[in-house]
Amino acid sequence: MNQSAKLDRDTLRHRIESSLGRAEAHTAGLRKMNTRLLISGVTSSGLAALVTGVTAAAGPIVGEGIPGWRLACIVGAILAFAGSLLVGLNQQLKVGDRLTEGSQCLGRLRFLEVSMATGSRDWEEIVDEYEAIVTAYPEVI
């Protein structure tokens, strides 16, 4: 192997490792955002159901009469709105889809890294695959 080919392989190995690091960070961030939005949305919706259900069964917990009912309805409506907003935001930002893309990119990059380390694929195949990954997942890398 001549010096130029070794330099090219080292450069590509470094780029793959760098891309892998960026893809891992990107995917981890999306995973956290997805989890936070979904848990917050479900919790808010559950609390809305709890507040309105308890109020319907036992009457207003805070206050009495019309002001108590009004407060319970306002709290329930705010919690339900927040739950809907959080779940809708998760859908609008396409966090789940972006998380799937990030995971696919990670898998392909890891496979490519192993292929380089083991020498199980030809050099041209590795270069072509890396180009395909960079083209398919520009947001992730």
N, C-alpha and C. Protein backbone atom coordinates (compact mmCIF):
# COMPACT_ATOMS: atom_id res chain seq x y z
N MET A 1 0.85 -1.16 0.00
CA MET A 1 0.00 0.00 0.00
C MET A 1 0.90 1.23 0.00
N ASN A 2 0.66 2.14 -0.93
CA ASN A 2 1.50 3.33 -0.99
C ASN A 2 1.05 4.35 0.05
N GLN A 3 1.85 5.37 0.23
CA GLN A 3 1.61 6.38 1.28
C GLN A 3 0.30 7.14 1.04
N SER A 4 -0.02 7.44 -0.22
CA SER A 4 -1.23 8.19 -0.55
C SER A 4 -2.48 7.39 -0.19
N ALA A 5 -2.48 6.10 -0.52
CA ALA A 5 -3.64 5.25 -0.21
C ALA A 5 -3.82 5.13 1.30
N LYS A 6 -2.72 5.01 2.05
CA LYS A 6 -2.81 4.92 3.51
C LYS A 6 -3.36 6.22 4.08
N LEU A 7 -2.92 7.36 3.52
CA LEU A 7 -3.41 8.66 3.97
C LEU A 7 -4.91 8.78 3.69
N ASP A 8 -5.34 8.32 2.51
CA ASP A 8 -6.76 8.36 2.17
C ASP A 8 -7.58 7.50 3.13
N ARG A 9 -7.09 6.33 3.45
CA ARG A 9 -7.79 5.45 4.38
C ARG A 9 -7.87 6.07 5.77
N ASP A 10 -6.78 6.66 6.21
CA ASP A 10 -6.78 7.31 7.51
C ASP A 10 -7.73 8.51 7.53
N THR A 11 -7.75 9.26 6.45
CA THR A 11 -8.66 10.40 6.35
C THR A 11 -10.10 9.93 6.38
N LEU A 12 -10.41 8.89 5.62
CA LEU A 12 -11.77 8.37 5.60
C LEU A 12 -12.15 7.80 6.97
N ARG A 13 -11.24 7.08 7.60
CA ARG A 13 -11.52 6.53 8.93
C ARG A 13 -11.83 7.66 9.91
N HIS A 14 -11.05 8.74 9.84
CA HIS A 14 -11.29 9.89 10.72
C HIS A 14 -12.65 10.52 10.43
N ARG A 15 -13.00 10.66 9.16
CA ARG A 15 -14.30 11.24 8.81
C ARG A 15 -15.45 10.36 9.28
N ILE A 16 -15.31 9.07 9.13
CA ILE A 16 -16.35 8.17 9.58
C ILE A 16 -16.52 8.27 11.09
N GLU A 17 -15.41 8.28 11.81
CA GLU A 17 -15.48 8.41 13.27
C GLU A 17 -16.09 9.75 13.68
N SER A 18 -15.73 10.81 12.99
CA SER A 18 -16.29 12.13 13.27
C SER A 18 -17.80 12.15 12.98
N SER A 19 -18.19 11.58 11.86
CA SER A 19 -19.61 11.51 11.50
C SER A 19 -20.38 10.67 12.51
N LEU A 20 -19.75 9.60 12.95
CA LEU A 20 -20.38 8.74 13.94
C LEU A 20 -20.62 9.50 15.25
N GLY A 21 -19.65 10.29 15.67
CA GLY A 21 -19.81 11.10 16.88
C GLY A 21 -20.93 12.11 16.76
N ARG A 22 -20.98 12.80 15.62
CA ARG A 22 -22.04 13.78 15.40
C ARG A 22 -23.40 13.10 15.34
N ALA A 23 -23.48 11.95 14.67
CA ALA A 23 -24.76 11.24 14.57
C ALA A 23 -25.21 10.73 15.94
N GLU A 24 -24.28 10.27 16.76
CA GLU A 24 -24.64 9.82 18.12
C GLU A 24 -25.17 10.97 18.95
N ALA A 25 -24.52 12.12 18.88
CA ALA A 25 -24.97 13.29 19.64
C ALA A 25 -26.34 13.77 19.15
N HIS A 26 -26.51 13.80 17.85
CA HIS A 26 -27.78 14.24 17.25
C HIS A 26 -28.92 13.30 17.68
N THR A 27 -28.67 12.00 17.58
CA THR A 27 -29.70 11.02 17.92
C THR A 27 -30.01 11.03 19.41
N ALA A 28 -29.01 11.19 20.24
CA ALA A 28 -29.24 11.26 21.69
C ALA A 28 -30.10 12.48 22.04
N GLY A 29 -29.83 13.61 21.39
CA GLY A 29 -30.63 14.80 21.63
C GLY A 29 -32.08 14.61 21.21
N LEU A 30 -32.28 13.98 20.06
CA LEU A 30 -33.64 13.71 19.60
C LEU A 30 -34.36 12.74 20.53
N ARG A 31 -33.63 11.74 21.02
CA ARG A 31 -34.23 10.76 21.93
C ARG A 31 -34.71 11.45 23.21
N LYS A 32 -33.89 12.36 23.75
CA LYS A 32 -34.28 13.10 24.96
C LYS A 32 -35.50 13.97 24.69
N MET A 33 -35.48 14.69 23.55
CA MET A 33 -36.60 15.56 23.22
C MET A 33 -37.88 14.75 23.05
N ASN A 34 -37.80 13.64 22.35
CA ASN A 34 -38.96 12.78 22.13
C ASN A 34 -39.52 12.29 23.46
N THR A 35 -38.64 11.82 24.33
CA THR A 35 -39.08 11.31 25.63
C THR A 35 -39.73 12.41 26.46
N ARG A 36 -39.10 13.57 26.51
CA ARG A 36 -39.64 14.67 27.31
C ARG A 36 -41.01 15.12 26.79
N LEU A 37 -41.13 15.28 25.48
CA LEU A 37 -42.41 15.73 24.93
C LEU A 37 -43.51 14.71 25.16
N LEU A 38 -43.21 13.44 24.94
CA LEU A 38 -44.24 12.42 25.12
C LEU A 38 -44.64 12.24 26.58
N ILE A 39 -43.66 12.19 27.47
CA ILE A 39 -43.98 12.01 28.89
C ILE A 39 -44.74 13.23 29.42
N SER A 40 -44.30 14.42 29.03
CA SER A 40 -44.99 15.64 29.47
C SER A 40 -46.42 15.68 28.93
N GLY A 41 -46.61 15.33 27.68
CA GLY A 41 -47.94 15.33 27.09
C GLY A 41 -48.88 14.33 27.73
N VAL A 42 -48.39 13.12 27.95
CA VAL A 42 -49.22 12.08 28.57
C VAL A 42 -49.53 12.44 30.03
N THR A 43 -48.53 12.95 30.73
CA THR A 43 -48.74 13.35 32.13
C THR A 43 -49.76 14.47 32.23
N SER A 44 -49.63 15.46 31.38
CA SER A 44 -50.57 16.57 31.39
C SER A 44 -51.99 16.11 31.07
N SER A 45 -52.13 15.25 30.09
CA SER A 45 -53.45 14.72 29.74
C SER A 45 -54.03 13.89 30.88
N GLY A 46 -53.17 13.09 31.51
CA GLY A 46 -53.63 12.29 32.64
C GLY A 46 -54.07 13.14 33.81
N LEU A 47 -53.31 14.19 34.09
CA LEU A 47 -53.69 15.10 35.17
C LEU A 47 -55.01 15.81 34.87
N ALA A 48 -55.20 16.17 33.61
CA ALA A 48 -56.47 16.80 33.22
C ALA A 48 -57.63 15.86 33.48
N ALA A 49 -57.46 14.61 33.12
CA ALA A 49 -58.52 13.62 33.36
C ALA A 49 -58.75 13.43 34.86
N LEU A 50 -57.68 13.41 35.63
CA LEU A 50 -57.79 13.23 37.08
C LEU A 50 -58.52 14.42 37.72
N VAL A 51 -58.11 15.63 37.37
CA VAL A 51 -58.74 16.82 37.95
C VAL A 51 -60.23 16.86 37.61
N THR A 52 -60.56 16.65 36.35
CA THR A 52 -61.97 16.72 35.96
C THR A 52 -62.77 15.55 36.51
N GLY A 53 -62.16 14.37 36.57
CA GLY A 53 -62.87 13.20 37.10
C GLY A 53 -63.15 13.33 38.59
N VAL A 54 -62.14 13.75 39.35
CA VAL A 54 -62.33 13.92 40.80
C VAL A 54 -63.35 15.02 41.07
N THR A 55 -63.28 16.09 40.30
CA THR A 55 -64.23 17.18 40.49
C THR A 55 -65.65 16.72 40.16
N ALA A 56 -65.79 15.94 39.11
CA ALA A 56 -67.12 15.44 38.76
C ALA A 56 -67.67 14.50 39.81
N ALA A 57 -66.79 13.68 40.40
CA ALA A 57 -67.23 12.69 41.39
C ALA A 57 -67.47 13.29 42.77
N ALA A 58 -66.61 14.21 43.19
CA ALA A 58 -66.67 14.70 44.57
C ALA A 58 -66.97 16.18 44.67
N GLY A 59 -67.14 16.85 43.57
CA GLY A 59 -67.35 18.29 43.62
C GLY A 59 -66.01 19.00 43.64
N PRO A 60 -66.03 20.31 43.59
CA PRO A 60 -64.78 21.06 43.53
C PRO A 60 -63.93 20.83 44.78
N ILE A 61 -62.64 20.61 44.56
CA ILE A 61 -61.71 20.36 45.66
C ILE A 61 -61.31 21.69 46.29
N VAL A 62 -61.09 22.67 45.46
CA VAL A 62 -60.70 24.00 45.94
C VAL A 62 -61.90 24.93 45.75
N GLY A 63 -62.33 25.54 46.78
CA GLY A 63 -63.46 26.46 46.69
C GLY A 63 -64.78 25.73 46.73
N GLU A 64 -65.83 26.50 46.70
CA GLU A 64 -67.17 25.93 46.73
C GLU A 64 -68.04 26.64 45.71
N GLY A 65 -69.08 25.97 45.33
CA GLY A 65 -70.04 26.57 44.43
C GLY A 65 -69.46 26.82 43.05
N ILE A 66 -70.01 27.84 42.41
CA ILE A 66 -69.64 28.16 41.04
C ILE A 66 -68.15 28.50 40.91
N PRO A 67 -67.55 29.29 41.81
CA PRO A 67 -66.12 29.58 41.67
C PRO A 67 -65.25 28.31 41.73
N GLY A 68 -65.61 27.36 42.57
CA GLY A 68 -64.86 26.10 42.67
C GLY A 68 -64.96 25.28 41.39
N TRP A 69 -66.17 25.19 40.85
CA TRP A 69 -66.35 24.47 39.60
C TRP A 69 -65.60 25.16 38.46
N ARG A 70 -65.68 26.48 38.45
CA ARG A 70 -65.01 27.24 37.41
C ARG A 70 -63.49 27.00 37.47
N LEU A 71 -62.92 27.03 38.67
CA LEU A 71 -61.48 26.81 38.84
C LEU A 71 -61.09 25.40 38.38
N ALA A 72 -61.90 24.41 38.76
CA ALA A 72 -61.61 23.03 38.35
C ALA A 72 -61.66 22.89 36.83
N CYS A 73 -62.63 23.53 36.21
CA CYS A 73 -62.74 23.47 34.75
C CYS A 73 -61.57 24.17 34.07
N ILE A 74 -61.16 25.30 34.62
CA ILE A 74 -60.02 26.03 34.05
C ILE A 74 -58.75 25.20 34.15
N VAL A 75 -58.50 24.62 35.33
CA VAL A 75 -57.30 23.80 35.51
C VAL A 75 -57.33 22.59 34.57
N GLY A 76 -58.47 21.93 34.49
CA GLY A 76 -58.59 20.78 33.59
C GLY A 76 -58.37 21.17 32.13
N ALA A 77 -58.93 22.31 31.73
CA ALA A 77 -58.78 22.77 30.35
C ALA A 77 -57.32 23.13 30.04
N ILE A 78 -56.65 23.78 30.98
CA ILE A 78 -55.25 24.15 30.76
C ILE A 78 -54.38 22.91 30.64
N LEU A 79 -54.60 21.94 31.52
CA LEU A 79 -53.81 20.71 31.46
C LEU A 79 -54.09 19.92 30.16
N ALA A 80 -55.35 19.87 29.76
CA ALA A 80 -55.68 19.17 28.51
C ALA A 80 -55.07 19.88 27.30
N PHE A 81 -55.12 21.21 27.32
CA PHE A 81 -54.53 21.99 26.24
C PHE A 81 -53.02 21.74 26.18
N ALA A 82 -52.37 21.77 27.33
CA ALA A 82 -50.92 21.54 27.37
C ALA A 82 -50.57 20.15 26.84
N GLY A 83 -51.35 19.16 27.23
CA GLY A 83 -51.10 17.80 26.74
C GLY A 83 -51.23 17.71 25.24
N SER A 84 -52.29 18.29 24.71
CA SER A 84 -52.49 18.29 23.26
C SER A 84 -51.38 19.05 22.55
N LEU A 85 -51.01 20.18 23.10
CA LEU A 85 -49.95 20.99 22.50
C LEU A 85 -48.62 20.25 22.46
N LEU A 86 -48.26 19.57 23.54
CA LEU A 86 -46.99 18.85 23.59
C LEU A 86 -46.95 17.67 22.62
N VAL A 87 -48.03 16.92 22.57
CA VAL A 87 -48.08 15.78 21.64
C VAL A 87 -48.11 16.29 20.19
N GLY A 88 -48.86 17.37 19.95
CA GLY A 88 -48.89 17.96 18.61
C GLY A 88 -47.54 18.52 18.19
N LEU A 89 -46.83 19.13 19.13
CA LEU A 89 -45.50 19.65 18.86
C LEU A 89 -44.54 18.53 18.49
N ASN A 90 -44.65 17.43 19.20
CA ASN A 90 -43.82 16.26 18.89
C ASN A 90 -44.09 15.77 17.47
N GLN A 91 -45.35 15.77 17.08
CA GLN A 91 -45.71 15.33 15.73
C GLN A 91 -45.28 16.36 14.69
N GLN A 92 -45.50 17.64 14.98
CA GLN A 92 -45.16 18.68 14.02
C GLN A 92 -43.66 18.75 13.76
N LEU A 93 -42.87 18.57 14.79
CA LEU A 93 -41.42 18.59 14.64
C LEU A 93 -40.88 17.28 14.05
N LYS A 94 -41.76 16.30 13.90
CA LYS A 94 -41.40 15.00 13.34
C LYS A 94 -40.22 14.38 14.09
N VAL A 95 -40.28 14.48 15.41
CA VAL A 95 -39.18 13.99 16.24
C VAL A 95 -39.02 12.47 16.07
N GLY A 96 -40.12 11.75 16.03
CA GLY A 96 -40.05 10.30 15.86
C GLY A 96 -39.41 9.90 14.53
N ASP A 97 -39.80 10.58 13.47
CA ASP A 97 -39.22 10.28 12.15
C ASP A 97 -37.74 10.62 12.11
N ARG A 98 -37.39 11.77 12.68
CA ARG A 98 -35.99 12.18 12.70
C ARG A 98 -35.15 11.24 13.58
N LEU A 99 -35.75 10.74 14.65
CA LEU A 99 -35.06 9.79 15.51
C LEU A 99 -34.81 8.48 14.78
N THR A 100 -35.77 8.04 13.99
CA THR A 100 -35.60 6.84 13.18
C THR A 100 -34.48 7.02 12.17
N GLU A 101 -34.47 8.16 11.50
CA GLU A 101 -33.39 8.43 10.54
C GLU A 101 -32.03 8.44 11.22
N GLY A 102 -31.97 9.06 12.38
CA GLY A 102 -30.71 9.10 13.12
C GLY A 102 -30.23 7.71 13.50
N SER A 103 -31.15 6.87 13.92
CA SER A 103 -30.79 5.50 14.29
C SER A 103 -30.33 4.69 13.08
N GLN A 104 -30.99 4.90 11.94
CA GLN A 104 -30.57 4.22 10.72
C GLN A 104 -29.18 4.67 10.30
N CYS A 105 -28.92 5.96 10.36
CA CYS A 105 -27.62 6.51 10.02
C CYS A 105 -26.55 5.93 10.94
N LEU A 106 -26.84 5.89 12.23
CA LEU A 106 -25.89 5.32 13.19
C LEU A 106 -25.56 3.87 12.85
N GLY A 107 -26.57 3.10 12.55
CA GLY A 107 -26.36 1.69 12.21
C GLY A 107 -25.48 1.54 10.98
N ARG A 108 -25.75 2.33 9.97
CA ARG A 108 -24.94 2.24 8.75
C ARG A 108 -23.50 2.67 8.98
N LEU A 109 -23.32 3.74 9.76
CA LEU A 109 -21.96 4.21 10.06
C LEU A 109 -21.19 3.19 10.90
N ARG A 110 -21.88 2.58 11.86
CA ARG A 110 -21.21 1.57 12.69
C ARG A 110 -20.82 0.36 11.85
N PHE A 111 -21.70 -0.04 10.95
CA PHE A 111 -21.39 -1.15 10.06
C PHE A 111 -20.19 -0.82 9.18
N LEU A 112 -20.15 0.41 8.70
CA LEU A 112 -19.04 0.87 7.86
C LEU A 112 -17.74 0.88 8.66
N GLU A 113 -17.81 1.31 9.90
CA GLU A 113 -16.63 1.34 10.77
C GLU A 113 -16.09 -0.08 11.01
N VAL A 114 -16.99 -1.00 11.24
CA VAL A 114 -16.59 -2.40 11.44
C VAL A 114 -16.02 -2.97 10.14
N SER A 115 -16.63 -2.64 9.03
CA SER A 115 -16.13 -3.12 7.73
C SER A 115 -14.71 -2.64 7.48
N MET A 116 -14.44 -1.40 7.84
CA MET A 116 -13.07 -0.89 7.66
C MET A 116 -12.10 -1.59 8.60
N ALA A 117 -12.52 -1.78 9.83
CA ALA A 117 -11.63 -2.39 10.82
C ALA A 117 -11.31 -3.84 10.48
N THR A 118 -12.29 -4.56 9.96
CA THR A 118 -12.08 -5.98 9.66
C THR A 118 -11.59 -6.22 8.25
N GLY A 119 -11.73 -5.22 7.38
CA GLY A 119 -11.32 -5.39 5.99
C GLY A 119 -12.24 -6.31 5.22
N SER A 120 -13.50 -6.40 5.66
CA SER A 120 -14.45 -7.32 5.03
C SER A 120 -15.05 -6.79 3.73
N ARG A 121 -14.82 -5.51 3.43
CA ARG A 121 -15.36 -4.93 2.21
C ARG A 121 -14.23 -4.25 1.45
N ASP A 122 -14.42 -4.17 0.14
CA ASP A 122 -13.44 -3.49 -0.71
C ASP A 122 -13.44 -2.00 -0.40
N TRP A 123 -12.29 -1.39 -0.67
CA TRP A 123 -12.12 0.04 -0.43
C TRP A 123 -13.16 0.86 -1.20
N GLU A 124 -13.39 0.52 -2.44
CA GLU A 124 -14.36 1.26 -3.25
C GLU A 124 -15.77 1.15 -2.69
N GLU A 125 -16.13 -0.01 -2.20
CA GLU A 125 -17.45 -0.20 -1.59
C GLU A 125 -17.60 0.68 -0.35
N ILE A 126 -16.55 0.76 0.44
CA ILE A 126 -16.59 1.58 1.66
C ILE A 126 -16.75 3.05 1.30
N VAL A 127 -16.00 3.50 0.31
CA VAL A 127 -16.09 4.90 -0.13
C VAL A 127 -17.49 5.18 -0.66
N ASP A 128 -18.03 4.29 -1.50
CA ASP A 128 -19.36 4.48 -2.07
C ASP A 128 -20.43 4.50 -0.97
N GLU A 129 -20.30 3.60 -0.01
CA GLU A 129 -21.28 3.53 1.08
C GLU A 129 -21.24 4.80 1.92
N TYR A 130 -20.05 5.30 2.22
CA TYR A 130 -19.95 6.53 3.01
C TYR A 130 -20.57 7.71 2.25
N GLU A 131 -20.32 7.79 0.96
CA GLU A 131 -20.94 8.85 0.14
C GLU A 131 -22.45 8.73 0.18
N ALA A 132 -22.97 7.51 0.10
CA ALA A 132 -24.42 7.30 0.14
C ALA A 132 -24.99 7.71 1.50
N ILE A 133 -24.28 7.43 2.57
CA ILE A 133 -24.74 7.80 3.91
C ILE A 133 -24.77 9.32 4.06
N VAL A 134 -23.71 9.98 3.62
CA VAL A 134 -23.64 11.44 3.72
C VAL A 134 -24.76 12.08 2.90
N THR A 135 -25.06 11.52 1.74
CA THR A 135 -26.12 12.05 0.90
C THR A 135 -27.50 11.79 1.50
N ALA A 136 -27.70 10.61 2.08
CA ALA A 136 -29.01 10.24 2.61
C ALA A 136 -29.34 10.92 3.93
N TYR A 137 -28.34 11.23 4.74
CA TYR A 137 -28.58 11.76 6.08
C TYR A 137 -27.80 13.06 6.35
N PRO A 138 -28.00 14.09 5.55
CA PRO A 138 -27.22 15.33 5.76
C PRO A 138 -27.55 16.01 7.08
N GLU A 139 -28.80 15.92 7.54
CA GLU A 139 -29.19 16.55 8.80
C GLU A 139 -28.52 15.88 10.00
N VAL A 140 -28.34 14.59 9.91
CA VAL A 140 -27.77 13.83 11.01
C VAL A 140 -26.27 14.04 11.09
N ILE A 141 -25.62 14.02 9.93
CA ILE A 141 -24.16 14.12 9.89
C ILE A 141 -23.78 15.58 9.80
